[in-house]
């Protein structure tokens, strides 16, 4: 499984996303690649839908079907509808589990 975190320069939520990912990844898993995105062309090339974006094997598991690429901050909603700058640990674990089942 290939994990990438896409973020704008100095994204205040990028580190928290990486930390939460580390909580749910197996010890022997490769860490996520962090890629800094600086413009709309790069956002389109890599599939960034706001910062930070997690890609699992090139797919954003949190993207709504109509979401566009964006070099902006991203807001996530948890199971209770609260907003935050990154998915919850539970949401990340669920996304990884579903991606793994698809292998």
PDB file of N, CA and C in Angstrom:
ATOM      1  N   UNK A   1       0.842  -1.163   0.000  1.00  0.00           N
ATOM      2  CA  UNK A   1       0.000   0.000   0.000  1.00  0.00           C
ATOM      3  C   UNK A   1       0.894   1.235   0.000  1.00  0.00           C
ATOM      4  N   UNK A   2       0.633   2.128  -0.925  1.00  0.00           N
ATOM      5  CA  UNK A   2       1.415   3.361  -1.039  1.00  0.00           C
ATOM      6  C   UNK A   2       0.624   4.521  -0.459  1.00  0.00           C
ATOM      7  N   UNK A   3       1.206   5.206   0.514  1.00  0.00           N
ATOM      8  CA  UNK A   3       0.554   6.333   1.174  1.00  0.00           C
ATOM      9  C   UNK A   3       1.293   7.626   0.853  1.00  0.00           C
ATOM     10  N   UNK A   4       0.523   8.640   0.493  1.00  0.00           N
ATOM     11  CA  UNK A   4       1.087   9.963   0.237  1.00  0.00           C
ATOM     12  C   UNK A   4       0.253  11.001   0.966  1.00  0.00           C
ATOM     13  N   UNK A   5       0.928  11.978   1.521  1.00  0.00           N
ATOM     14  CA  UNK A   5       0.263  13.128   2.124  1.00  0.00           C
ATOM     15  C   UNK A   5       0.657  14.336   1.283  1.00  0.00           C
ATOM     16  N   UNK A   6      -0.350  15.009   0.745  1.00  0.00           N
ATOM     17  CA  UNK A   6      -0.135  16.201  -0.059  1.00  0.00           C
ATOM     18  C   UNK A   6      -0.534  17.409   0.780  1.00  0.00           C
ATOM     19  N   UNK A   7       0.332  18.418   0.799  1.00  0.00           N
ATOM     20  CA  UNK A   7       0.052  19.596   1.624  1.00  0.00           C
ATOM     21  C   UNK A   7       0.679  20.832   1.014  1.00  0.00           C
ATOM     22  N   UNK A   8       0.069  21.958   1.300  1.00  0.00           N
ATOM     23  CA  UNK A   8       0.649  23.235   0.892  1.00  0.00           C
ATOM     24  C   UNK A   8       1.827  23.540   1.823  1.00  0.00           C
ATOM     25  N   UNK A   9       2.723  24.440   1.421  1.00  0.00           N
ATOM     26  CA  UNK A   9       3.827  24.806   2.308  1.00  0.00           C
ATOM     27  C   UNK A   9       3.313  25.307   3.663  1.00  0.00           C
ATOM     28  N   UNK A  10       3.956  24.864   4.731  1.00  0.00           N
ATOM     29  CA  UNK A  10       3.636  25.285   6.093  1.00  0.00           C
ATOM     30  C   UNK A  10       2.203  24.955   6.524  1.00  0.00           C
ATOM     31  N   UNK A  11       1.634  23.888   5.974  1.00  0.00           N
ATOM     32  CA  UNK A  11       0.276  23.480   6.361  1.00  0.00           C
ATOM     33  C   UNK A  11       0.267  23.156   7.853  1.00  0.00           C
ATOM     34  N   UNK A  12      -0.608  23.803   8.629  1.00  0.00           N
ATOM     35  CA  UNK A  12      -0.619  23.564  10.071  1.00  0.00           C
ATOM     36  C   UNK A  12      -1.172  22.186  10.463  1.00  0.00           C
ATOM     37  N   UNK A  13      -1.805  21.474   9.528  1.00  0.00           N
ATOM     38  CA  UNK A  13      -2.410  20.185   9.849  1.00  0.00           C
ATOM     39  C   UNK A  13      -1.649  18.982   9.297  1.00  0.00           C
ATOM     40  N   UNK A  14      -0.631  19.214   8.508  1.00  0.00           N
ATOM     41  CA  UNK A  14       0.102  18.118   7.880  1.00  0.00           C
ATOM     42  C   UNK A  14       0.749  17.197   8.913  1.00  0.00           C
ATOM     43  N   UNK A  15       1.420  17.752   9.896  1.00  0.00           N
ATOM     44  CA  UNK A  15       2.089  16.929  10.913  1.00  0.00           C
ATOM     45  C   UNK A  15       1.098  16.087  11.702  1.00  0.00           C
ATOM     46  N   UNK A  16      -0.052  16.660  12.027  1.00  0.00           N
ATOM     47  CA  UNK A  16      -1.060  15.915  12.769  1.00  0.00           C
ATOM     48  C   UNK A  16      -1.577  14.744  11.940  1.00  0.00           C
ATOM     49  N   UNK A  17      -1.765  14.940  10.646  1.00  0.00           N
ATOM     50  CA  UNK A  17      -2.198  13.839   9.788  1.00  0.00           C
ATOM     51  C   UNK A  17      -1.148  12.732   9.776  1.00  0.00           C
ATOM     52  N   UNK A  18       0.107  13.085   9.636  1.00  0.00           N
ATOM     53  CA  UNK A  18       1.189  12.093   9.644  1.00  0.00           C
ATOM     54  C   UNK A  18       1.229  11.364  10.986  1.00  0.00           C
ATOM     55  N   UNK A  19       1.089  12.086  12.081  1.00  0.00           N
ATOM     56  CA  UNK A  19       1.090  11.461  13.415  1.00  0.00           C
ATOM     57  C   UNK A  19      -0.067  10.482  13.579  1.00  0.00           C
ATOM     58  N   UNK A  20      -1.241  10.877  13.131  1.00  0.00           N
ATOM     59  CA  UNK A  20      -2.392   9.977  13.247  1.00  0.00           C
ATOM     60  C   UNK A  20      -2.224   8.748  12.365  1.00  0.00           C
ATOM     61  N   UNK A  21      -1.673   8.939  11.187  1.00  0.00           N
ATOM     62  CA  UNK A  21      -1.401   7.787  10.318  1.00  0.00           C
ATOM     63  C   UNK A  21      -0.464   6.803  11.002  1.00  0.00           C
ATOM     64  N   UNK A  22       0.576   7.326  11.633  1.00  0.00           N
ATOM     65  CA  UNK A  22       1.534   6.465  12.324  1.00  0.00           C
ATOM     66  C   UNK A  22       0.865   5.651  13.426  1.00  0.00           C
ATOM     67  N   UNK A  23      -0.201   6.182  14.021  1.00  0.00           N
ATOM     68  CA  UNK A  23      -0.924   5.468  15.078  1.00  0.00           C
ATOM     69  C   UNK A  23      -1.662   4.249  14.538  1.00  0.00           C
ATOM     70  N   UNK A  24      -2.070   4.288  13.284  1.00  0.00           N
ATOM     71  CA  UNK A  24      -2.887   3.198  12.745  1.00  0.00           C
ATOM     72  C   UNK A  24      -2.142   2.278  11.782  1.00  0.00           C
ATOM     73  N   UNK A  25      -0.942   2.661  11.388  1.00  0.00           N
ATOM     74  CA  UNK A  25      -0.166   1.817  10.476  1.00  0.00           C
ATOM     75  C   UNK A  25       0.546   0.701  11.239  1.00  0.00           C
ATOM     76  N   UNK A  26       0.663  -0.473  10.641  1.00  0.00           N
ATOM     77  CA  UNK A  26       1.475  -1.526  11.262  1.00  0.00           C
ATOM     78  C   UNK A  26       2.924  -1.067  11.388  1.00  0.00           C
ATOM     79  N   UNK A  27       3.630  -1.627  12.368  1.00  0.00           N
ATOM     80  CA  UNK A  27       5.026  -1.214  12.610  1.00  0.00           C
ATOM     81  C   UNK A  27       5.914  -1.400  11.393  1.00  0.00           C
ATOM     82  N   UNK A  28       5.655  -2.426  10.596  1.00  0.00           N
ATOM     83  CA  UNK A  28       6.524  -2.719   9.452  1.00  0.00           C
ATOM     84  C   UNK A  28       6.106  -1.979   8.179  1.00  0.00           C
ATOM     85  N   UNK A  29       5.080  -1.123   8.243  1.00  0.00           N
ATOM     86  CA  UNK A  29       4.612  -0.382   7.069  1.00  0.00           C
ATOM     87  C   UNK A  29       5.574   0.749   6.731  1.00  0.00           C
ATOM     88  N   UNK A  30       5.679   1.031   5.458  1.00  0.00           N
ATOM     89  CA  UNK A  30       6.467   2.181   5.022  1.00  0.00           C
ATOM     90  C   UNK A  30       5.746   3.457   5.429  1.00  0.00           C
ATOM     91  N   UNK A  31       6.490   4.487   5.832  1.00  0.00           N
ATOM     92  CA  UNK A  31       5.833   5.746   6.195  1.00  0.00           C
ATOM     93  C   UNK A  31       5.245   6.411   4.952  1.00  0.00           C
ATOM     94  N   UNK A  32       4.316   7.310   5.173  1.00  0.00           N
ATOM     95  CA  UNK A  32       3.716   8.059   4.068  1.00  0.00           C
ATOM     96  C   UNK A  32       4.745   9.013   3.478  1.00  0.00           C
ATOM     97  N   UNK A  33       4.710   9.125   2.168  1.00  0.00           N
ATOM     98  CA  UNK A  33       5.525  10.122   1.480  1.00  0.00           C
ATOM     99  C   UNK A  33       4.818  11.463   1.617  1.00  0.00           C
ATOM    100  N   UNK A  34       5.546  12.490   1.997  1.00  0.00           N
ATOM    101  CA  UNK A  34       4.969  13.830   2.110  1.00  0.00           C
ATOM    102  C   UNK A  34       5.429  14.638   0.900  1.00  0.00           C
ATOM    103  N   UNK A  35       4.456  15.200   0.216  1.00  0.00           N
ATOM    104  CA  UNK A  35       4.753  16.003  -0.978  1.00  0.00           C
ATOM    105  C   UNK A  35       4.154  17.391  -0.780  1.00  0.00           C
ATOM    106  N   UNK A  36       4.985  18.410  -0.930  1.00  0.00           N
ATOM    107  CA  UNK A  36       4.525  19.795  -0.810  1.00  0.00           C
ATOM    108  C   UNK A  36       4.035  20.255  -2.185  1.00  0.00           C
ATOM    109  N   UNK A  37       2.815  20.745  -2.208  1.00  0.00           N
ATOM    110  CA  UNK A  37       2.164  21.202  -3.440  1.00  0.00           C
ATOM    111  C   UNK A  37       2.089  22.721  -3.402  1.00  0.00           C
ATOM    112  N   UNK A  38       2.589  23.366  -4.449  1.00  0.00           N
ATOM    113  CA  UNK A  38       2.675  24.826  -4.431  1.00  0.00           C
ATOM    114  C   UNK A  38       1.764  25.529  -5.423  1.00  0.00           C
ATOM    115  N   UNK A  39       1.130  24.778  -6.336  1.00  0.00           N
ATOM    116  CA  UNK A  39       0.279  25.446  -7.325  1.00  0.00           C
ATOM    117  C   UNK A  39      -0.823  24.512  -7.829  1.00  0.00           C
ATOM    118  N   UNK A  40      -1.773  25.071  -8.561  1.00  0.00           N
ATOM    119  CA  UNK A  40      -2.922  24.309  -9.061  1.00  0.00           C
ATOM    120  C   UNK A  40      -2.510  23.204 -10.030  1.00  0.00           C
ATOM    121  N   UNK A  41      -1.463  23.433 -10.818  1.00  0.00           N
ATOM    122  CA  UNK A  41      -1.003  22.406 -11.763  1.00  0.00           C
ATOM    123  C   UNK A  41      -0.538  21.169 -11.000  1.00  0.00           C
ATOM    124  N   UNK A  42       0.253  21.366  -9.955  1.00  0.00           N
ATOM    125  CA  UNK A  42       0.694  20.229  -9.133  1.00  0.00           C
ATOM    126  C   UNK A  42      -0.489  19.587  -8.420  1.00  0.00           C
ATOM    127  N   UNK A  43      -1.419  20.399  -7.926  1.00  0.00           N
ATOM    128  CA  UNK A  43      -2.599  19.861  -7.244  1.00  0.00           C
ATOM    129  C   UNK A  43      -3.377  18.950  -8.187  1.00  0.00           C
ATOM    130  N   UNK A  44      -3.536  19.359  -9.431  1.00  0.00           N
ATOM    131  CA  UNK A  44      -4.237  18.537 -10.416  1.00  0.00           C
ATOM    132  C   UNK A  44      -3.442  17.278 -10.756  1.00  0.00           C
ATOM    133  N   UNK A  45      -2.146  17.404 -10.897  1.00  0.00           N
ATOM    134  CA  UNK A  45      -1.299  16.255 -11.256  1.00  0.00           C
ATOM    135  C   UNK A  45      -1.358  15.169 -10.182  1.00  0.00           C
ATOM    136  N   UNK A  46      -1.308  15.561  -8.919  1.00  0.00           N
ATOM    137  CA  UNK A  46      -1.235  14.587  -7.841  1.00  0.00           C
ATOM    138  C   UNK A  46      -2.587  14.281  -7.184  1.00  0.00           C
ATOM    139  N   UNK A  47      -3.614  15.083  -7.462  1.00  0.00           N
ATOM    140  CA  UNK A  47      -4.932  14.821  -6.917  1.00  0.00           C
ATOM    141  C   UNK A  47      -5.174  15.387  -5.530  1.00  0.00           C
ATOM    142  N   UNK A  48      -4.667  16.589  -5.286  1.00  0.00           N
ATOM    143  CA  UNK A  48      -4.872  17.215  -3.980  1.00  0.00           C
ATOM    144  C   UNK A  48      -6.209  17.944  -3.957  1.00  0.00           C
ATOM    145  N   UNK A  49      -7.025  17.635  -2.960  1.00  0.00           N
ATOM    146  CA  UNK A  49      -8.337  18.253  -2.794  1.00  0.00           C
ATOM    147  C   UNK A  49      -8.355  19.156  -1.575  1.00  0.00           C
ATOM    148  N   UNK A  50      -7.307  19.882  -1.358  1.00  0.00           N
ATOM    149  CA  UNK A  50      -7.151  20.710  -0.173  1.00  0.00           C
ATOM    150  C   UNK A  50      -6.062  20.130   0.701  1.00  0.00           C
ATOM    151  N   UNK A  51      -5.549  20.942   1.588  1.00  0.00           N
ATOM    152  CA  UNK A  51      -4.393  20.553   2.386  1.00  0.00           C
ATOM    153  C   UNK A  51      -4.779  20.317   3.836  1.00  0.00           C
ATOM    154  N   UNK A  52      -4.412  19.166   4.369  1.00  0.00           N
ATOM    155  CA  UNK A  52      -3.693  18.055   3.757  1.00  0.00           C
ATOM    156  C   UNK A  52      -4.655  17.041   3.112  1.00  0.00           C
ATOM    157  N   UNK A  53      -4.151  16.363   2.104  1.00  0.00           N
ATOM    158  CA  UNK A  53      -4.877  15.284   1.431  1.00  0.00           C
ATOM    159  C   UNK A  53      -4.084  14.005   1.625  1.00  0.00           C
ATOM    160  N   UNK A  54      -4.769  12.937   1.995  1.00  0.00           N
ATOM    161  CA  UNK A  54      -4.167  11.609   2.073  1.00  0.00           C
ATOM    162  C   UNK A  54      -4.542  10.843   0.817  1.00  0.00           C
ATOM    163  N   UNK A  55      -3.548  10.253   0.172  1.00  0.00           N
ATOM    164  CA  UNK A  55      -3.791   9.353  -0.952  1.00  0.00           C
ATOM    165  C   UNK A  55      -3.365   7.956  -0.543  1.00  0.00           C
ATOM    166  N   UNK A  56      -4.239   6.995  -0.770  1.00  0.00           N
ATOM    167  CA  UNK A  56      -3.927   5.592  -0.545  1.00  0.00           C
ATOM    168  C   UNK A  56      -3.905   4.946  -1.922  1.00  0.00           C
ATOM    169  N   UNK A  57      -2.731   4.526  -2.343  1.00  0.00           N
ATOM    170  CA  UNK A  57      -2.551   3.986  -3.695  1.00  0.00           C
ATOM    171  C   UNK A  57      -3.107   4.951  -4.741  1.00  0.00           C
ATOM    172  N   UNK A  58      -2.859   6.241  -4.529  1.00  0.00           N
ATOM    173  CA  UNK A  58      -3.255   7.267  -5.487  1.00  0.00           C
ATOM    174  C   UNK A  58      -4.692   7.727  -5.395  1.00  0.00           C
ATOM    175  N   UNK A  59      -5.455   7.197  -4.447  1.00  0.00           N
ATOM    176  CA  UNK A  59      -6.876   7.536  -4.317  1.00  0.00           C
ATOM    177  C   UNK A  59      -7.113   8.263  -2.998  1.00  0.00           C
ATOM    178  N   UNK A  60      -7.892   9.333  -3.060  1.00  0.00           N
ATOM    179  CA  UNK A  60      -8.268  10.096  -1.873  1.00  0.00           C
ATOM    180  C   UNK A  60      -9.534   9.469  -1.288  1.00  0.00           C
ATOM    181  N   UNK A  61      -9.429   8.731  -0.184  1.00  0.00           N
ATOM    182  CA  UNK A  61     -10.600   8.044   0.357  1.00  0.00           C
ATOM    183  C   UNK A  61     -11.633   8.972   1.002  1.00  0.00           C
ATOM    184  N   UNK A  62     -11.286  10.230   1.168  1.00  0.00           N
ATOM    185  CA  UNK A  62     -12.195  11.178   1.816  1.00  0.00           C
ATOM    186  C   UNK A  62     -12.802  12.175   0.838  1.00  0.00           C
ATOM    187  N   UNK A  63     -12.524  12.014  -0.446  1.00  0.00           N
ATOM    188  CA  UNK A  63     -13.006  12.962  -1.446  1.00  0.00           C
ATOM    189  C   UNK A  63     -14.447  12.658  -1.837  1.00  0.00           C
ATOM    190  N   UNK A  64     -15.267  13.684  -1.825  1.00  0.00           N
ATOM    191  CA  UNK A  64     -16.625  13.561  -2.345  1.00  0.00           C
ATOM    192  C   UNK A  64     -16.538  13.489  -3.870  1.00  0.00           C
ATOM    193  N   UNK A  65     -17.512  12.867  -4.509  1.00  0.00           N
ATOM    194  CA  UNK A  65     -17.450  12.711  -5.972  1.00  0.00           C
ATOM    195  C   UNK A  65     -17.307  14.020  -6.743  1.00  0.00           C
ATOM    196  N   UNK A  66     -17.865  15.100  -6.230  1.00  0.00           N
ATOM    197  CA  UNK A  66     -17.845  16.372  -6.959  1.00  0.00           C
ATOM    198  C   UNK A  66     -16.747  17.329  -6.505  1.00  0.00           C
ATOM    199  N   UNK A  67     -15.832  16.866  -5.667  1.00  0.00           N
ATOM    200  CA  UNK A  67     -14.782  17.750  -5.150  1.00  0.00           C
ATOM    201  C   UNK A  67     -13.753  18.037  -6.247  1.00  0.00           C
ATOM    202  N   UNK A  68     -13.264  19.269  -6.268  1.00  0.00           N
ATOM    203  CA  UNK A  68     -12.267  19.656  -7.258  1.00  0.00           C
ATOM    204  C   UNK A  68     -10.896  19.753  -6.602  1.00  0.00           C
ATOM    205  N   UNK A  69      -9.867  19.777  -7.443  1.00  0.00           N
ATOM    206  CA  UNK A  69      -8.521  19.951  -6.905  1.00  0.00           C
ATOM    207  C   UNK A  69      -8.403  21.362  -6.357  1.00  0.00           C
ATOM    208  N   UNK A  70      -7.536  21.509  -5.358  1.00  0.00           N
ATOM    209  CA  UNK A  70      -7.460  22.806  -4.702  1.00  0.00           C
ATOM    210  C   UNK A  70      -6.155  22.968  -3.935  1.00  0.00           C
ATOM    211  N   UNK A  71      -5.611  24.163  -4.006  1.00  0.00           N
ATOM    212  CA  UNK A  71      -4.461  24.548  -3.190  1.00  0.00           C
ATOM    213  C   UNK A  71      -5.024  25.450  -2.089  1.00  0.00           C
ATOM    214  N   UNK A  72      -5.636  24.826  -1.104  1.00  0.00           N
ATOM    215  CA  UNK A  72      -6.296  25.546  -0.017  1.00  0.00           C
ATOM    216  C   UNK A  72      -6.334  24.637   1.198  1.00  0.00           C
ATOM    217  N   UNK A  73      -6.807  25.169   2.310  1.00  0.00           N
ATOM    218  CA  UNK A  73      -6.991  24.337   3.498  1.00  0.00           C
ATOM    219  C   UNK A  73      -8.185  23.417   3.278  1.00  0.00           C
ATOM    220  N   UNK A  74      -8.130  22.265   3.917  1.00  0.00           N
ATOM    221  CA  UNK A  74      -9.211  21.287   3.777  1.00  0.00           C
ATOM    222  C   UNK A  74      -9.869  21.061   5.127  1.00  0.00           C
ATOM    223  N   UNK A  75     -11.172  20.874   5.083  1.00  0.00           N
ATOM    224  CA  UNK A  75     -11.948  20.604   6.288  1.00  0.00           C
ATOM    225  C   UNK A  75     -12.533  19.199   6.181  1.00  0.00           C
ATOM    226  N   UNK A  76     -12.398  18.438   7.239  1.00  0.00           N
ATOM    227  CA  UNK A  76     -12.952  17.086   7.321  1.00  0.00           C
ATOM    228  C   UNK A  76     -14.055  17.082   8.360  1.00  0.00           C
ATOM    229  N   UNK A  77     -15.010  16.171   8.203  1.00  0.00           N
ATOM    230  CA  UNK A  77     -16.076  15.985   9.200  1.00  0.00           C
ATOM    231  C   UNK A  77     -15.907  14.606   9.828  1.00  0.00           C
ATOM    232  N   UNK A  78     -16.068  14.552  11.156  1.00  0.00           N
ATOM    233  CA  UNK A  78     -15.994  13.248  11.822  1.00  0.00           C
ATOM    234  C   UNK A  78     -17.380  12.604  11.831  1.00  0.00           C
ATOM    235  N   UNK A  79     -17.500  11.460  12.457  1.00  0.00           N
ATOM    236  CA  UNK A  79     -18.756  10.707  12.475  1.00  0.00           C
ATOM    237  C   UNK A  79     -19.890  11.487  13.135  1.00  0.00           C
ATOM    238  N   UNK A  80     -19.541  12.415  14.019  1.00  0.00           N
ATOM    239  CA  UNK A  80     -20.554  13.223  14.701  1.00  0.00           C
ATOM    240  C   UNK A  80     -20.846  14.539  13.984  1.00  0.00           C
ATOM    241  N   UNK A  81     -20.196  14.758  12.831  1.00  0.00           N
ATOM    242  CA  UNK A  81     -20.419  15.976  12.061  1.00  0.00           C
ATOM    243  C   UNK A  81     -19.547  17.144  12.442  1.00  0.00           C
ATOM    244  N   UNK A  82     -18.674  16.945  13.442  1.00  0.00           N
ATOM    245  CA  UNK A  82     -17.754  18.027  13.833  1.00  0.00           C
ATOM    246  C   UNK A  82     -16.678  18.188  12.763  1.00  0.00           C
ATOM    247  N   UNK A  83     -16.229  19.415  12.595  1.00  0.00           N
ATOM    248  CA  UNK A  83     -15.207  19.684  11.590  1.00  0.00           C
ATOM    249  C   UNK A  83     -13.822  19.744  12.208  1.00  0.00           C
ATOM    250  N   UNK A  84     -12.827  19.437  11.383  1.00  0.00           N
ATOM    251  CA  UNK A  84     -11.436  19.503  11.810  1.00  0.00           C
ATOM    252  C   UNK A  84     -10.533  19.530  10.596  1.00  0.00           C
ATOM    253  N   UNK A  85      -9.269  19.784  10.830  1.00  0.00           N
ATOM    254  CA  UNK A  85      -8.309  19.906   9.745  1.00  0.00           C
ATOM    255  C   UNK A  85      -7.737  18.587   9.250  1.00  0.00           C
ATOM    256  N   UNK A  86      -8.031  17.488   9.949  1.00  0.00           N
ATOM    257  CA  UNK A  86      -7.567  16.162   9.533  1.00  0.00           C
ATOM    258  C   UNK A  86      -8.629  15.122   9.910  1.00  0.00           C
ATOM    259  N   UNK A  87      -8.623  13.973   9.237  1.00  0.00           N
ATOM    260  CA  UNK A  87      -9.533  12.903   9.643  1.00  0.00           C
ATOM    261  C   UNK A  87      -9.160  12.393  11.034  1.00  0.00           C
ATOM    262  N   UNK A  88     -10.145  11.832  11.721  1.00  0.00           N
ATOM    263  CA  UNK A  88      -9.884  11.246  13.032  1.00  0.00           C
ATOM    264  C   UNK A  88      -9.056   9.966  12.868  1.00  0.00           C
ATOM    265  N   UNK A  89      -8.487   9.497  13.966  1.00  0.00           N
ATOM    266  CA  UNK A  89      -7.738   8.237  13.951  1.00  0.00           C
ATOM    267  C   UNK A  89      -8.653   7.113  13.468  1.00  0.00           C
ATOM    268  N   UNK A  90      -9.880   7.100  13.932  1.00  0.00           N
ATOM    269  CA  UNK A  90     -10.829   6.062  13.533  1.00  0.00           C
ATOM    270  C   UNK A  90     -11.118   6.118  12.038  1.00  0.00           C
ATOM    271  N   UNK A  91     -11.285   7.323  11.483  1.00  0.00           N
ATOM    272  CA  UNK A  91     -11.541   7.463  10.053  1.00  0.00           C
ATOM    273  C   UNK A  91     -10.346   6.985   9.237  1.00  0.00           C
ATOM    274  N   UNK A  92      -9.149   7.288   9.702  1.00  0.00           N
ATOM    275  CA  UNK A  92      -7.949   6.835   9.001  1.00  0.00           C
ATOM    276  C   UNK A  92      -7.835   5.310   9.036  1.00  0.00           C
ATOM    277  N   UNK A  93      -8.078   4.725  10.203  1.00  0.00           N
ATOM    278  CA  UNK A  93      -8.018   3.267  10.322  1.00  0.00           C
ATOM    279  C   UNK A  93      -9.034   2.620   9.393  1.00  0.00           C
ATOM    280  N   UNK A  94     -10.228   3.182   9.324  1.00  0.00           N
ATOM    281  CA  UNK A  94     -11.270   2.642   8.462  1.00  0.00           C
ATOM    282  C   UNK A  94     -10.871   2.764   6.984  1.00  0.00           C
ATOM    283  N   UNK A  95     -10.321   3.903   6.596  1.00  0.00           N
ATOM    284  CA  UNK A  95      -9.893   4.096   5.203  1.00  0.00           C
ATOM    285  C   UNK A  95      -8.799   3.107   4.823  1.00  0.00           C
ATOM    286  N   UNK A  96      -7.846   2.882   5.719  1.00  0.00           N
ATOM    287  CA  UNK A  96      -6.772   1.917   5.447  1.00  0.00           C
ATOM    288  C   UNK A  96      -7.312   0.501   5.364  1.00  0.00           C
ATOM    289  N   UNK A  97      -8.250   0.180   6.246  1.00  0.00           N
ATOM    290  CA  UNK A  97      -8.852  -1.149   6.240  1.00  0.00           C
ATOM    291  C   UNK A  97      -9.577  -1.402   4.912  1.00  0.00           C
ATOM    292  N   UNK A  98     -10.366  -0.446   4.476  1.00  0.00           N
ATOM    293  CA  UNK A  98     -11.096  -0.606   3.214  1.00  0.00           C
ATOM    294  C   UNK A  98     -10.149  -0.678   2.018  1.00  0.00           C
ATOM    295  N   UNK A  99      -9.079   0.085   2.040  1.00  0.00           N
ATOM    296  CA  UNK A  99      -8.112   0.042   0.940  1.00  0.00           C
ATOM    297  C   UNK A  99      -7.417  -1.308   0.926  1.00  0.00           C
ATOM    298  N   UNK A 100      -7.107  -1.833   2.097  1.00  0.00           N
ATOM    299  CA  UNK A 100      -6.438  -3.136   2.189  1.00  0.00           C
ATOM    300  C   UNK A 100      -7.349  -4.250   1.689  1.00  0.00           C
ATOM    301  N   UNK A 101      -8.636  -4.167   1.977  1.00  0.00           N
ATOM    302  CA  UNK A 101      -9.589  -5.173   1.519  1.00  0.00           C
ATOM    303  C   UNK A 101      -9.708  -5.176  -0.006  1.00  0.00           C
ATOM    304  N   UNK A 102      -9.452  -4.027  -0.608  1.00  0.00           N
ATOM    305  CA  UNK A 102      -9.539  -3.918  -2.060  1.00  0.00           C
ATOM    306  C   UNK A 102      -8.339  -4.491  -2.798  1.00  0.00           C
ATOM    307  N   UNK A 103      -7.272  -4.840  -2.070  1.00  0.00           N
ATOM    308  CA  UNK A 103      -6.056  -5.368  -2.704  1.00  0.00           C
ATOM    309  C   UNK A 103      -6.278  -6.753  -3.246  1.00  0.00           C
TER     310      UNK A 103
END
